[in-house]
C-alpha atoms as a PDB file:
ATOM      1  CA  UNK A   1      25.010  34.740-107.669  1.00  0.00           C
ATOM      2  CA  UNK A   2      28.422  34.971-106.086  1.00  0.00           C
ATOM      3  CA  UNK A   3      29.061  31.919-103.942  1.00  0.00           C
ATOM      4  CA  UNK A   4      31.544  33.614-101.607  1.00  0.00           C
ATOM      5  CA  UNK A   5      29.190  36.543-100.922  1.00  0.00           C
ATOM      6  CA  UNK A   6      26.235  34.231-100.335  1.00  0.00           C
ATOM      7  CA  UNK A   7      28.307  32.038 -98.020  1.00  0.00           C
ATOM      8  CA  UNK A   8      29.382  35.117 -96.048  1.00  0.00           C
ATOM      9  CA  UNK A   9      25.755  36.200 -95.801  1.00  0.00           C
ATOM     10  CA  UNK A  10      24.700  32.793 -94.570  1.00  0.00           C
ATOM     11  CA  UNK A  11      27.534  32.605 -92.043  1.00  0.00           C
ATOM     12  CA  UNK A  12      26.914  36.105 -90.731  1.00  0.00           C
ATOM     13  CA  UNK A  13      23.134  36.244 -90.542  1.00  0.00           C
ATOM     14  CA  UNK A  14      21.827  32.708 -90.567  1.00  0.00           C
ATOM     15  CA  UNK A  15      23.979  31.099 -87.921  1.00  0.00           C
ATOM     16  CA  UNK A  16      20.998  31.007 -85.571  1.00  0.00           C
ATOM     17  CA  UNK A  17      18.655  29.732 -88.294  1.00  0.00           C
ATOM     18  CA  UNK A  18      17.266  33.142 -89.185  1.00  0.00           C
ATOM     19  CA  UNK A  19      18.255  36.472 -90.669  1.00  0.00           C
ATOM     20  CA  UNK A  20      17.969  38.382 -87.408  1.00  0.00           C
ATOM     21  CA  UNK A  21      21.275  38.926 -85.654  1.00  0.00           C
ATOM     22  CA  UNK A  22      19.677  39.340 -82.213  1.00  0.00           C
ATOM     23  CA  UNK A  23      17.850  35.970 -82.279  1.00  0.00           C
ATOM     24  CA  UNK A  24      14.594  37.737 -81.357  1.00  0.00           C
ATOM     25  CA  UNK A  25      12.835  36.357 -84.397  1.00  0.00           C
ATOM     26  CA  UNK A  26      12.955  32.636 -83.686  1.00  0.00           C
ATOM     27  CA  UNK A  27      10.180  30.982 -85.643  1.00  0.00           C
ATOM     28  CA  UNK A  28      11.106  32.884 -88.817  1.00  0.00           C
ATOM     29  CA  UNK A  29      13.087  30.752 -91.249  1.00  0.00           C
ATOM     30  CA  UNK A  30      15.005  32.777 -93.827  1.00  0.00           C
ATOM     31  CA  UNK A  31      16.328  31.304 -97.068  1.00  0.00           C
ATOM     32  CA  UNK A  32      18.694  33.485 -99.111  1.00  0.00           C
ATOM     33  CA  UNK A  33      17.934  33.410-102.836  1.00  0.00           C
ATOM     34  CA  UNK A  34      20.177  36.065-104.356  1.00  0.00           C
ATOM     35  CA  UNK A  35      22.611  38.805-103.395  1.00  0.00           C
ATOM     36  CA  UNK A  36      23.841  41.144-106.119  1.00  0.00           C
ATOM     37  CA  UNK A  37      25.922  44.361-106.118  1.00  0.00           C
ATOM     38  CA  UNK A  38      24.125  47.107-108.051  1.00  0.00           C
ATOM     39  CA  UNK A  39      26.663  48.382-110.594  1.00  0.00           C
ATOM     40  CA  UNK A  40      24.742  51.595-111.330  1.00  0.00           C
ATOM     41  CA  UNK A  41      24.582  52.380-107.591  1.00  0.00           C
ATOM     42  CA  UNK A  42      28.120  52.004-106.168  1.00  0.00           C
ATOM     43  CA  UNK A  43      28.130  50.625-102.648  1.00  0.00           C
ATOM     44  CA  UNK A  44      24.542  49.291-102.886  1.00  0.00           C
ATOM     45  CA  UNK A  45      23.288  45.737-103.289  1.00  0.00           C
ATOM     46  CA  UNK A  46      20.048  43.865-103.772  1.00  0.00           C
ATOM     47  CA  UNK A  47      19.245  40.934-101.497  1.00  0.00           C
ATOM     48  CA  UNK A  48      16.350  38.561-102.081  1.00  0.00           C
ATOM     49  CA  UNK A  49      15.180  36.040 -99.470  1.00  0.00           C
ATOM     50  CA  UNK A  50      12.130  34.021 -98.561  1.00  0.00           C
ATOM     51  CA  UNK A  51      10.877  34.280 -94.988  1.00  0.00           C
ATOM     52  CA  UNK A  52       8.671  31.585 -93.513  1.00  0.00           C
ATOM     53  CA  UNK A  53       6.731  32.465 -90.369  1.00  0.00           C
ATOM     54  CA  UNK A  54       5.729  29.495 -88.228  1.00  0.00           C
ATOM     55  CA  UNK A  55       2.081  29.392 -87.122  1.00  0.00           C
ATOM     56  CA  UNK A  56       1.476  32.158 -84.567  1.00  0.00           C
ATOM     57  CA  UNK A  57       4.937  33.689 -85.115  1.00  0.00           C
ATOM     58  CA  UNK A  58       5.330  37.293 -83.914  1.00  0.00           C
ATOM     59  CA  UNK A  59       8.394  39.345 -84.883  1.00  0.00           C
ATOM     60  CA  UNK A  60      10.148  41.557 -82.364  1.00  0.00           C
ATOM     61  CA  UNK A  61      10.250  45.253 -83.301  1.00  0.00           C
ATOM     62  CA  UNK A  62      13.058  45.957 -85.755  1.00  0.00           C
ATOM     63  CA  UNK A  63      14.186  48.142 -88.644  1.00  0.00           C
ATOM     64  CA  UNK A  64      15.999  47.722 -91.936  1.00  0.00           C
ATOM     65  CA  UNK A  65      18.904  49.918 -93.062  1.00  0.00           C
ATOM     66  CA  UNK A  66      17.601  49.937 -96.628  1.00  0.00           C
ATOM     67  CA  UNK A  67      14.463  49.749 -98.718  1.00  0.00           C
ATOM     68  CA  UNK A  68      12.382  46.583 -98.228  1.00  0.00           C
ATOM     69  CA  UNK A  69       9.773  45.190-100.606  1.00  0.00           C
ATOM     70  CA  UNK A  70       7.588  42.310 -99.363  1.00  0.00           C
ATOM     71  CA  UNK A  71       5.339  40.000-101.407  1.00  0.00           C
ATOM     72  CA  UNK A  72       3.131  37.460 -99.608  1.00  0.00           C
ATOM     73  CA  UNK A  73       3.477  34.009-101.178  1.00  0.00           C
ATOM     74  CA  UNK A  74       1.347  32.047 -98.679  1.00  0.00           C
ATOM     75  CA  UNK A  75      -0.750  32.664 -95.599  1.00  0.00           C
ATOM     76  CA  UNK A  76      -2.028  35.786 -93.886  1.00  0.00           C
ATOM     77  CA  UNK A  77       0.148  38.220 -91.970  1.00  0.00           C
ATOM     78  CA  UNK A  78      -0.242  41.535 -90.193  1.00  0.00           C
ATOM     79  CA  UNK A  79       2.343  44.243 -90.850  1.00  0.00           C
ATOM     80  CA  UNK A  80       2.741  47.775 -89.583  1.00  0.00           C
ATOM     81  CA  UNK A  81       5.392  50.462 -89.537  1.00  0.00           C
ATOM     82  CA  UNK A  82       5.493  52.920 -86.647  1.00  0.00           C
ATOM     83  CA  UNK A  83       2.880  55.613 -87.172  1.00  0.00           C
ATOM     84  CA  UNK A  84       1.315  53.681 -90.055  1.00  0.00           C
ATOM     85  CA  UNK A  85      -1.862  51.712 -90.440  1.00  0.00           C
ATOM     86  CA  UNK A  86      -2.011  48.063 -89.340  1.00  0.00           C
ATOM     87  CA  UNK A  87      -2.421  46.046 -92.535  1.00  0.00           C
ATOM     88  CA  UNK A  88      -3.598  42.484 -93.014  1.00  0.00           C
ATOM     89  CA  UNK A  89      -1.860  40.960 -96.024  1.00  0.00           C
ATOM     90  CA  UNK A  90      -2.795  37.808 -97.895  1.00  0.00           C
ATOM     91  CA  UNK A  91      -1.312  35.877-100.788  1.00  0.00           C
ATOM     92  CA  UNK A  92      -0.433  38.305-103.585  1.00  0.00           C
ATOM     93  CA  UNK A  93      -0.380  41.422-101.367  1.00  0.00           C
ATOM     94  CA  UNK A  94       2.669  43.684-101.037  1.00  0.00           C
ATOM     95  CA  UNK A  95       4.238  45.842 -98.340  1.00  0.00           C
ATOM     96  CA  UNK A  96       7.038  48.445 -98.357  1.00  0.00           C
ATOM     97  CA  UNK A  97       9.346  49.709 -95.602  1.00  0.00           C
ATOM     98  CA  UNK A  98      11.703  52.643 -96.046  1.00  0.00           C
ATOM     99  CA  UNK A  99      15.051  52.873 -94.230  1.00  0.00           C
ATOM    100  CA  UNK A 100      13.638  55.256 -91.598  1.00  0.00           C
ATOM    101  CA  UNK A 101      10.731  52.976 -90.618  1.00  0.00           C
ATOM    102  CA  UNK A 102      10.545  51.064 -87.357  1.00  0.00           C
ATOM    103  CA  UNK A 103       8.638  47.823 -87.925  1.00  0.00           C
ATOM    104  CA  UNK A 104       6.830  47.098 -84.620  1.00  0.00           C
ATOM    105  CA  UNK A 105       4.281  44.594 -86.010  1.00  0.00           C
ATOM    106  CA  UNK A 106       4.962  41.573 -88.165  1.00  0.00           C
ATOM    107  CA  UNK A 107       3.034  38.430 -87.368  1.00  0.00           C
ATOM    108  CA  UNK A 108       1.426  35.340 -88.797  1.00  0.00           C
ATOM    109  CA  UNK A 109      -2.265  35.625 -87.900  1.00  0.00           C
ATOM    110  CA  UNK A 110      -2.816  31.855 -88.140  1.00  0.00           C
ATOM    111  CA  UNK A 111      -2.072  29.589 -85.201  1.00  0.00           C
ATOM    112  CA  UNK A 112      -2.175  26.525 -87.480  1.00  0.00           C
ATOM    113  CA  UNK A 113      -0.761  27.498 -90.906  1.00  0.00           C
ATOM    114  CA  UNK A 114       2.657  28.924 -91.819  1.00  0.00           C
ATOM    115  CA  UNK A 115       3.043  32.119 -93.856  1.00  0.00           C
ATOM    116  CA  UNK A 116       5.702  32.670 -96.512  1.00  0.00           C
ATOM    117  CA  UNK A 117       7.067  35.956 -97.873  1.00  0.00           C
ATOM    118  CA  UNK A 118       9.378  36.940-100.696  1.00  0.00           C
ATOM    119  CA  UNK A 119      11.477  39.873 -99.471  1.00  0.00           C
ATOM    120  CA  UNK A 120      13.741  42.111-101.563  1.00  0.00           C
ATOM    121  CA  UNK A 121      16.174  44.540 -99.917  1.00  0.00           C
ATOM    122  CA  UNK A 122      18.085  47.438-101.500  1.00  0.00           C
ATOM    123  CA  UNK A 123      20.782  48.295 -98.982  1.00  0.00           C
ATOM    124  CA  UNK A 124      24.419  49.235 -98.456  1.00  0.00           C
ATOM    125  CA  UNK A 125      26.787  46.420 -99.401  1.00  0.00           C
ATOM    126  CA  UNK A 126      27.752  44.413 -96.356  1.00  0.00           C
ATOM    127  CA  UNK A 127      25.172  46.061 -94.084  1.00  0.00           C
ATOM    128  CA  UNK A 128      23.044  43.681 -92.029  1.00  0.00           C
ATOM    129  CA  UNK A 129      19.508  43.510 -93.442  1.00  0.00           C
ATOM    130  CA  UNK A 130      17.824  43.627 -90.016  1.00  0.00           C
ATOM    131  CA  UNK A 131      18.652  45.771 -86.973  1.00  0.00           C
ATOM    132  CA  UNK A 132      17.056  46.418 -83.594  1.00  0.00           C
ATOM    133  CA  UNK A 133      14.950  49.586 -83.468  1.00  0.00           C
ATOM    134  CA  UNK A 134      16.960  52.792 -83.052  1.00  0.00           C
ATOM    135  CA  UNK A 135      16.566  54.469 -79.661  1.00  0.00           C
ATOM    136  CA  UNK A 136      14.299  57.539 -79.747  1.00  0.00           C
END
């Protein structure tokens, strides 16, 4: 792990306590674990984080400018991409979002227990991992 890159990531995206630049995802605590350029894919990087949803947390609609792989570590969440099926995910379940997906539903279904996710991004180097939805 490159300390300078991770510090830049933290400074850029975690200044408000979460990964979301617009602050619309308060109640989601993001902890960066690893950021690594992908030598075989020039200009691309992998980013791994944990995301903890507070009880009852509901994400604002958003998108990711890269591929996103989600693994549920704890709790129960609902996830959906625009035009896709609403899915209830529990510990051990997985979810995928492609770069064209709008993610309108992401929420912790429990009002009393937190939920925790392991999230892996494959994205352009330096690109923010989370963006507001693109206008239609």
